[in-house]
C-alpha atoms as a PDB file:
ATOM      1  CA  MET A   1     362.690  58.904  68.432  1.00  0.00           C
ATOM      2  CA  ASP A   2     365.774  61.214  68.879  1.00  0.00           C
ATOM      3  CA  LEU A   3     365.478  61.986  65.169  1.00  0.00           C
ATOM      4  CA  ILE A   4     361.963  63.243  65.525  1.00  0.00           C
ATOM      5  CA  VAL A   5     362.728  65.435  68.544  1.00  0.00           C
ATOM      6  CA  LEU A   6     365.504  67.090  66.623  1.00  0.00           C
ATOM      7  CA  VAL A   7     363.471  67.685  63.649  1.00  0.00           C
ATOM      8  CA  VAL A   8     360.349  69.211  65.914  1.00  0.00           C
ATOM      9  CA  GLY A   9     363.331  71.349  67.816  1.00  0.00           C
ATOM     10  CA  ILE A  10     364.952  72.672  64.607  1.00  0.00           C
ATOM     11  CA  ALA A  11     361.225  73.773  63.241  1.00  0.00           C
ATOM     12  CA  MET A  12     360.465  75.580  66.503  1.00  0.00           C
ATOM     13  CA  LYS A  13     363.549  77.496  66.290  1.00  0.00           C
ATOM     14  CA  ARG A  14     362.677  78.789  62.997  1.00  0.00           C
ATOM     15  CA  GLY A  15     359.711  80.417  63.587  1.00  0.00           C
ATOM     16  CA  LYS A  16     356.059  79.568  64.288  1.00  0.00           C
ATOM     17  CA  SER A  17     354.571  76.226  63.559  1.00  0.00           C
ATOM     18  CA  LYS A  18     351.396  75.845  61.461  1.00  0.00           C
ATOM     19  CA  VAL A  19     349.390  74.855  64.322  1.00  0.00           C
ATOM     20  CA  ASP A  20     350.419  78.191  65.887  1.00  0.00           C
ATOM     21  CA  ALA A  21     349.566  80.282  63.046  1.00  0.00           C
ATOM     22  CA  PRO A  22     346.171  81.950  62.812  1.00  0.00           C
ATOM     23  CA  LYS A  23     343.661  80.509  60.548  1.00  0.00           C
ATOM     24  CA  LYS A  24     342.081  82.533  57.779  1.00  0.00           C
ATOM     25  CA  ALA A  25     338.898  82.092  56.341  1.00  0.00           C
ATOM     26  CA  ASP A  26     339.027  80.583  52.937  1.00  0.00           C
ATOM     27  CA  GLY A  27     336.812  82.673  50.638  1.00  0.00           C
ATOM     28  CA  ARG A  28     336.231  79.974  48.468  1.00  0.00           C
ATOM     29  CA  LEU A  29     334.342  78.018  50.693  1.00  0.00           C
ATOM     30  CA  SER A  30     332.036  80.513  51.990  1.00  0.00           C
ATOM     31  CA  VAL A  31     328.573  80.372  50.511  1.00  0.00           C
ATOM     32  CA  LYS A  32     326.816  83.572  49.608  1.00  0.00           C
ATOM     33  CA  LYS A  33     323.067  83.878  49.797  1.00  0.00           C
ATOM     34  CA  GLY A  34     320.291  86.739  48.877  1.00  0.00           C
ATOM     35  CA  PRO A  35     321.484  90.304  48.204  1.00  0.00           C
ATOM     36  CA  GLU A  36     325.340  89.566  48.158  1.00  0.00           C
ATOM     37  CA  ARG A  37     325.023  87.170  45.373  1.00  0.00           C
ATOM     38  CA  THR A  38     324.072  90.206  43.054  1.00  0.00           C
ATOM     39  CA  GLY A  39     327.369  90.151  41.209  1.00  0.00           C
ATOM     40  CA  LYS A  40     326.623  86.682  39.596  1.00  0.00           C
ATOM     41  CA  LYS A  41     324.338  85.742  36.840  1.00  0.00           C
ATOM     42  CA  PRO A  42     320.762  84.838  38.096  1.00  0.00           C
ATOM     43  CA  ARG A  43     320.226  80.932  37.795  1.00  0.00           C
ATOM     44  CA  LYS A  44     318.082  79.582  35.124  1.00  0.00           C
ATOM     45  CA  THR A  45     314.960  77.706  35.692  1.00  0.00           C
ATOM     46  CA  LYS A  46     313.528  74.926  33.734  1.00  0.00           C
ATOM     47  CA  ALA A  47     310.767  76.064  31.237  1.00  0.00           C
ATOM     48  CA  ASP A  48     307.569  74.580  32.171  1.00  0.00           C
ATOM     49  CA  LYS A  49     306.588  71.326  29.615  1.00  0.00           C
ATOM     50  CA  ASP A  50     303.903  71.678  27.373  1.00  0.00           C
ATOM     51  CA  PRO A  51     301.476  68.757  27.910  1.00  0.00           C
ATOM     52  CA  ASN A  52     300.139  69.003  24.252  1.00  0.00           C
ATOM     53  CA  LYS A  53     303.762  68.772  22.758  1.00  0.00           C
ATOM     54  CA  PRO A  54     303.830  65.294  21.287  1.00  0.00           C
ATOM     55  CA  LYS A  55     306.119  62.651  22.822  1.00  0.00           C
ATOM     56  CA  ARG A  56     309.141  61.590  21.051  1.00  0.00           C
ATOM     57  CA  PRO A  57     308.970  58.096  19.120  1.00  0.00           C
ATOM     58  CA  PRO A  58     310.678  55.039  20.484  1.00  0.00           C
ATOM     59  CA  SER A  59     313.552  53.847  18.904  1.00  0.00           C
ATOM     60  CA  ALA A  60     314.111  50.537  17.359  1.00  0.00           C
ATOM     61  CA  PHE A  61     315.075  49.023  20.585  1.00  0.00           C
ATOM     62  CA  PHE A  62     312.387  50.225  22.580  1.00  0.00           C
ATOM     63  CA  VAL A  63     310.088  48.846  20.040  1.00  0.00           C
ATOM     64  CA  PHE A  64     312.002  45.525  20.422  1.00  0.00           C
ATOM     65  CA  MET A  65     311.580  45.914  24.285  1.00  0.00           C
ATOM     66  CA  GLU A  66     308.061  45.892  24.066  1.00  0.00           C
ATOM     67  CA  GLU A  67     307.679  42.500  22.770  1.00  0.00           C
ATOM     68  CA  PHE A  68     310.506  41.183  24.470  1.00  0.00           C
ATOM     69  CA  ARG A  69     309.113  42.030  27.967  1.00  0.00           C
ATOM     70  CA  LYS A  70     305.963  40.299  27.342  1.00  0.00           C
ATOM     71  CA  SER A  71     307.794  37.114  26.057  1.00  0.00           C
ATOM     72  CA  PHE A  72     310.515  37.535  29.372  1.00  0.00           C
ATOM     73  CA  LYS A  73     307.465  37.905  31.745  1.00  0.00           C
ATOM     74  CA  GLU A  74     305.925  34.461  30.189  1.00  0.00           C
ATOM     75  CA  LYS A  75     309.088  32.683  30.854  1.00  0.00           C
ATOM     76  CA  ASN A  76     310.035  34.153  34.063  1.00  0.00           C
ATOM     77  CA  PRO A  77     306.872  35.046  35.957  1.00  0.00           C
ATOM     78  CA  THR A  78     308.761  35.024  39.292  1.00  0.00           C
ATOM     79  CA  ASN A  79     310.915  37.621  38.222  1.00  0.00           C
ATOM     80  CA  LYS A  80     310.067  41.175  39.362  1.00  0.00           C
ATOM     81  CA  SER A  81     313.542  42.855  38.865  1.00  0.00           C
ATOM     82  CA  VAL A  82     313.549  45.626  35.874  1.00  0.00           C
ATOM     83  CA  SER A  83     317.305  45.626  35.620  1.00  0.00           C
ATOM     84  CA  VAL A  84     317.436  41.755  34.754  1.00  0.00           C
ATOM     85  CA  VAL A  85     314.906  42.262  32.095  1.00  0.00           C
ATOM     86  CA  GLY A  86     316.770  45.294  30.830  1.00  0.00           C
ATOM     87  CA  LYS A  87     320.045  43.276  30.778  1.00  0.00           C
ATOM     88  CA  ALA A  88     318.595  40.198  29.109  1.00  0.00           C
ATOM     89  CA  ALA A  89     317.197  42.333  26.374  1.00  0.00           C
ATOM     90  CA  GLY A  90     320.115  44.133  25.854  1.00  0.00           C
ATOM     91  CA  ASP A  91     321.869  40.805  25.390  1.00  0.00           C
ATOM     92  CA  LYS A  92     319.499  39.670  22.851  1.00  0.00           C
ATOM     93  CA  TRP A  93     319.436  42.979  21.020  1.00  0.00           C
ATOM     94  CA  LYS A  94     323.189  42.980  20.649  1.00  0.00           C
ATOM     95  CA  SER A  95     323.283  39.229  19.386  1.00  0.00           C
ATOM     96  CA  MET A  96     320.608  39.776  17.005  1.00  0.00           C
ATOM     97  CA  SER A  97     321.482  40.341  13.139  1.00  0.00           C
ATOM     98  CA  GLU A  98     320.569  43.250  11.199  1.00  0.00           C
ATOM     99  CA  ALA A  99     317.859  41.246   9.303  1.00  0.00           C
ATOM    100  CA  GLU A 100     316.466  40.134  12.675  1.00  0.00           C
ATOM    101  CA  LYS A 101     316.490  43.447  13.694  1.00  0.00           C
ATOM    102  CA  ALA A 102     314.746  44.984  10.285  1.00  0.00           C
ATOM    103  CA  PRO A 103     311.039  44.670  11.274  1.00  0.00           C
ATOM    104  CA  TYR A 104     311.690  46.923  14.743  1.00  0.00           C
ATOM    105  CA  VAL A 105     313.591  49.185  12.735  1.00  0.00           C
ATOM    106  CA  ALA A 106     310.778  49.635  10.168  1.00  0.00           C
ATOM    107  CA  LYS A 107     308.378  50.052  13.104  1.00  0.00           C
ATOM    108  CA  ALA A 108     310.424  52.780  14.589  1.00  0.00           C
ATOM    109  CA  ALA A 109     310.804  54.557  11.479  1.00  0.00           C
ATOM    110  CA  LYS A 110     307.039  54.818  11.163  1.00  0.00           C
ATOM    111  CA  PHE A 111     306.558  56.180  14.256  1.00  0.00           C
ATOM    112  CA  LYS A 112     309.151  58.654  13.487  1.00  0.00           C
ATOM    113  CA  THR A 113     307.098  59.858  10.561  1.00  0.00           C
ATOM    114  CA  GLU A 114     304.085  60.008  12.480  1.00  0.00           C
ATOM    115  CA  TYR A 115     305.712  62.146  15.301  1.00  0.00           C
ATOM    116  CA  THR A 116     307.183  64.486  12.761  1.00  0.00           C
ATOM    117  CA  LYS A 117     303.605  65.223  11.117  1.00  0.00           C
ATOM    118  CA  LYS A 118     302.312  65.521  14.763  1.00  0.00           C
ATOM    119  CA  LEU A 119     305.371  68.036  15.785  1.00  0.00           C
ATOM    120  CA  ALA A 120     304.924  69.841  12.432  1.00  0.00           C
ATOM    121  CA  SER A 121     301.197  70.448  13.196  1.00  0.00           C
ATOM    122  CA  TYR A 122     301.842  71.228  16.770  1.00  0.00           C
ATOM    123  CA  ASN A 123     304.486  73.764  15.970  1.00  0.00           C
ATOM    124  CA  LYS A 124     302.464  75.433  13.265  1.00  0.00           C
ATOM    125  CA  ASN A 125     299.505  75.804  15.790  1.00  0.00           C
ATOM    126  CA  GLN A 126     302.282  77.205  18.363  1.00  0.00           C
ATOM    127  CA  SER A 127     303.519  79.939  15.892  1.00  0.00           C
ATOM    128  CA  GLY A 128     299.977  80.496  13.880  1.00  0.00           C
ATOM    129  CA  GLY A 129     298.005  81.093  17.283  1.00  0.00           C
ATOM    130  CA  GLY A 130     298.370  84.812  17.212  1.00  0.00           C
ATOM    131  CA  SER A 131     295.898  87.008  15.103  1.00  0.00           C
ATOM    132  CA  HIS A 132     296.867  87.983  11.500  1.00  0.00           C
ATOM    133  CA  ASP A 133     296.691  91.387   9.976  1.00  0.00           C
ATOM    134  CA  ALA A 134     294.721  92.285   6.887  1.00  0.00           C
ATOM    135  CA  ASP A 135     298.005  93.560   5.265  1.00  0.00           C
ATOM    136  CA  ASP A 136     299.518  89.669   5.570  1.00  0.00           C
ATOM    137  CA  GLU A 137     296.679  87.933   3.879  1.00  0.00           C
ATOM    138  CA  ASP A 138     296.495  90.437   0.954  1.00  0.00           C
ATOM    139  CA  GLU A 139     300.166  89.639   0.269  1.00  0.00           C
ATOM    140  CA  SER A 140     299.203  85.879  -0.598  1.00  0.00           C
ATOM    141  CA  ASP A 141     296.126  84.174  -1.407  1.00  0.00           C
ATOM    142  CA  LYS A 142     297.483  80.706  -0.610  1.00  0.00           C
ATOM    143  CA  SER A 143     297.251  79.411   2.793  1.00  0.00           C
ATOM    144  CA  SER A 144     300.384  78.500   4.825  1.00  0.00           C
ATOM    145  CA  SER A 145     300.044  74.636   3.893  1.00  0.00           C
ATOM    146  CA  GLU A 146     299.779  75.390   0.325  1.00  0.00           C
ATOM    147  CA  VAL A 147     302.852  77.664   0.301  1.00  0.00           C
ATOM    148  CA  ASN A 148     304.608  74.778   2.262  1.00  0.00           C
ATOM    149  CA  ASP A 149     303.501  72.013  -0.099  1.00  0.00           C
ATOM    150  CA  ASP A 150     304.777  74.218  -3.171  1.00  0.00           C
ATOM    151  CA  ASP A 151     308.054  74.855  -1.597  1.00  0.00           C
ATOM    152  CA  GLU A 152     308.832  71.183  -0.893  1.00  0.00           C
ATOM    153  CA  GLU A 153     307.652  70.096  -4.735  1.00  0.00           C
ATOM    154  CA  GLY A 154     309.446  72.886  -6.057  1.00  0.00           C
ATOM    155  CA  SER A 155     312.638  72.036  -4.078  1.00  0.00           C
ATOM    156  CA  GLY A 156     312.331  68.563  -5.740  1.00  0.00           C
ATOM    157  CA  GLU A 157     311.756  69.784  -9.345  1.00  0.00           C
ATOM    158  CA  GLU A 158     314.861  72.239  -9.018  1.00  0.00           C
ATOM    159  CA  GLU A 159     317.226  69.702  -8.178  1.00  0.00           C
ATOM    160  CA  GLU A 160     316.068  67.402 -10.999  1.00  0.00           C
ATOM    161  CA  ASP A 161     316.638  70.407 -13.665  1.00  0.00           C
ATOM    162  CA  ASP A 162     319.716  71.102 -11.954  1.00  0.00           C
ATOM    163  CA  GLU A 163     321.444  67.807 -12.865  1.00  0.00           C
END
């Protein structure tokens, strides 16, 4: 006890304690709103989602999940927890061999090819939606799909010729 009094007494002789010192506002903690915030970059807002854009295809695991949910629900009709179904499906997926996963991987690949076709047509409609000038049509007699088909075929032939 005497030691504490001695230490406090020495601190008092040297100068003001931290308690007596005036408190300064911490500039880092203050929040600036409105016109005071002009020095910073404006916040970015999310772009609106296009409802016509095709949805991404499910992965092989999610193709498996569709089938697994049905069988799990038949075996456990009283279970209402989504997390239990997800954990059971994840455990089963990890324990499956590559041969057992193959049909789900094949379905996922099929969905992906369909998605890429839909996305390509969606992107073509998005970029080609404007009006065309007469000068552009005079330069090429082929439609854009014919040009793309020739490019794909031509690139394959060039690779074969180079080898």
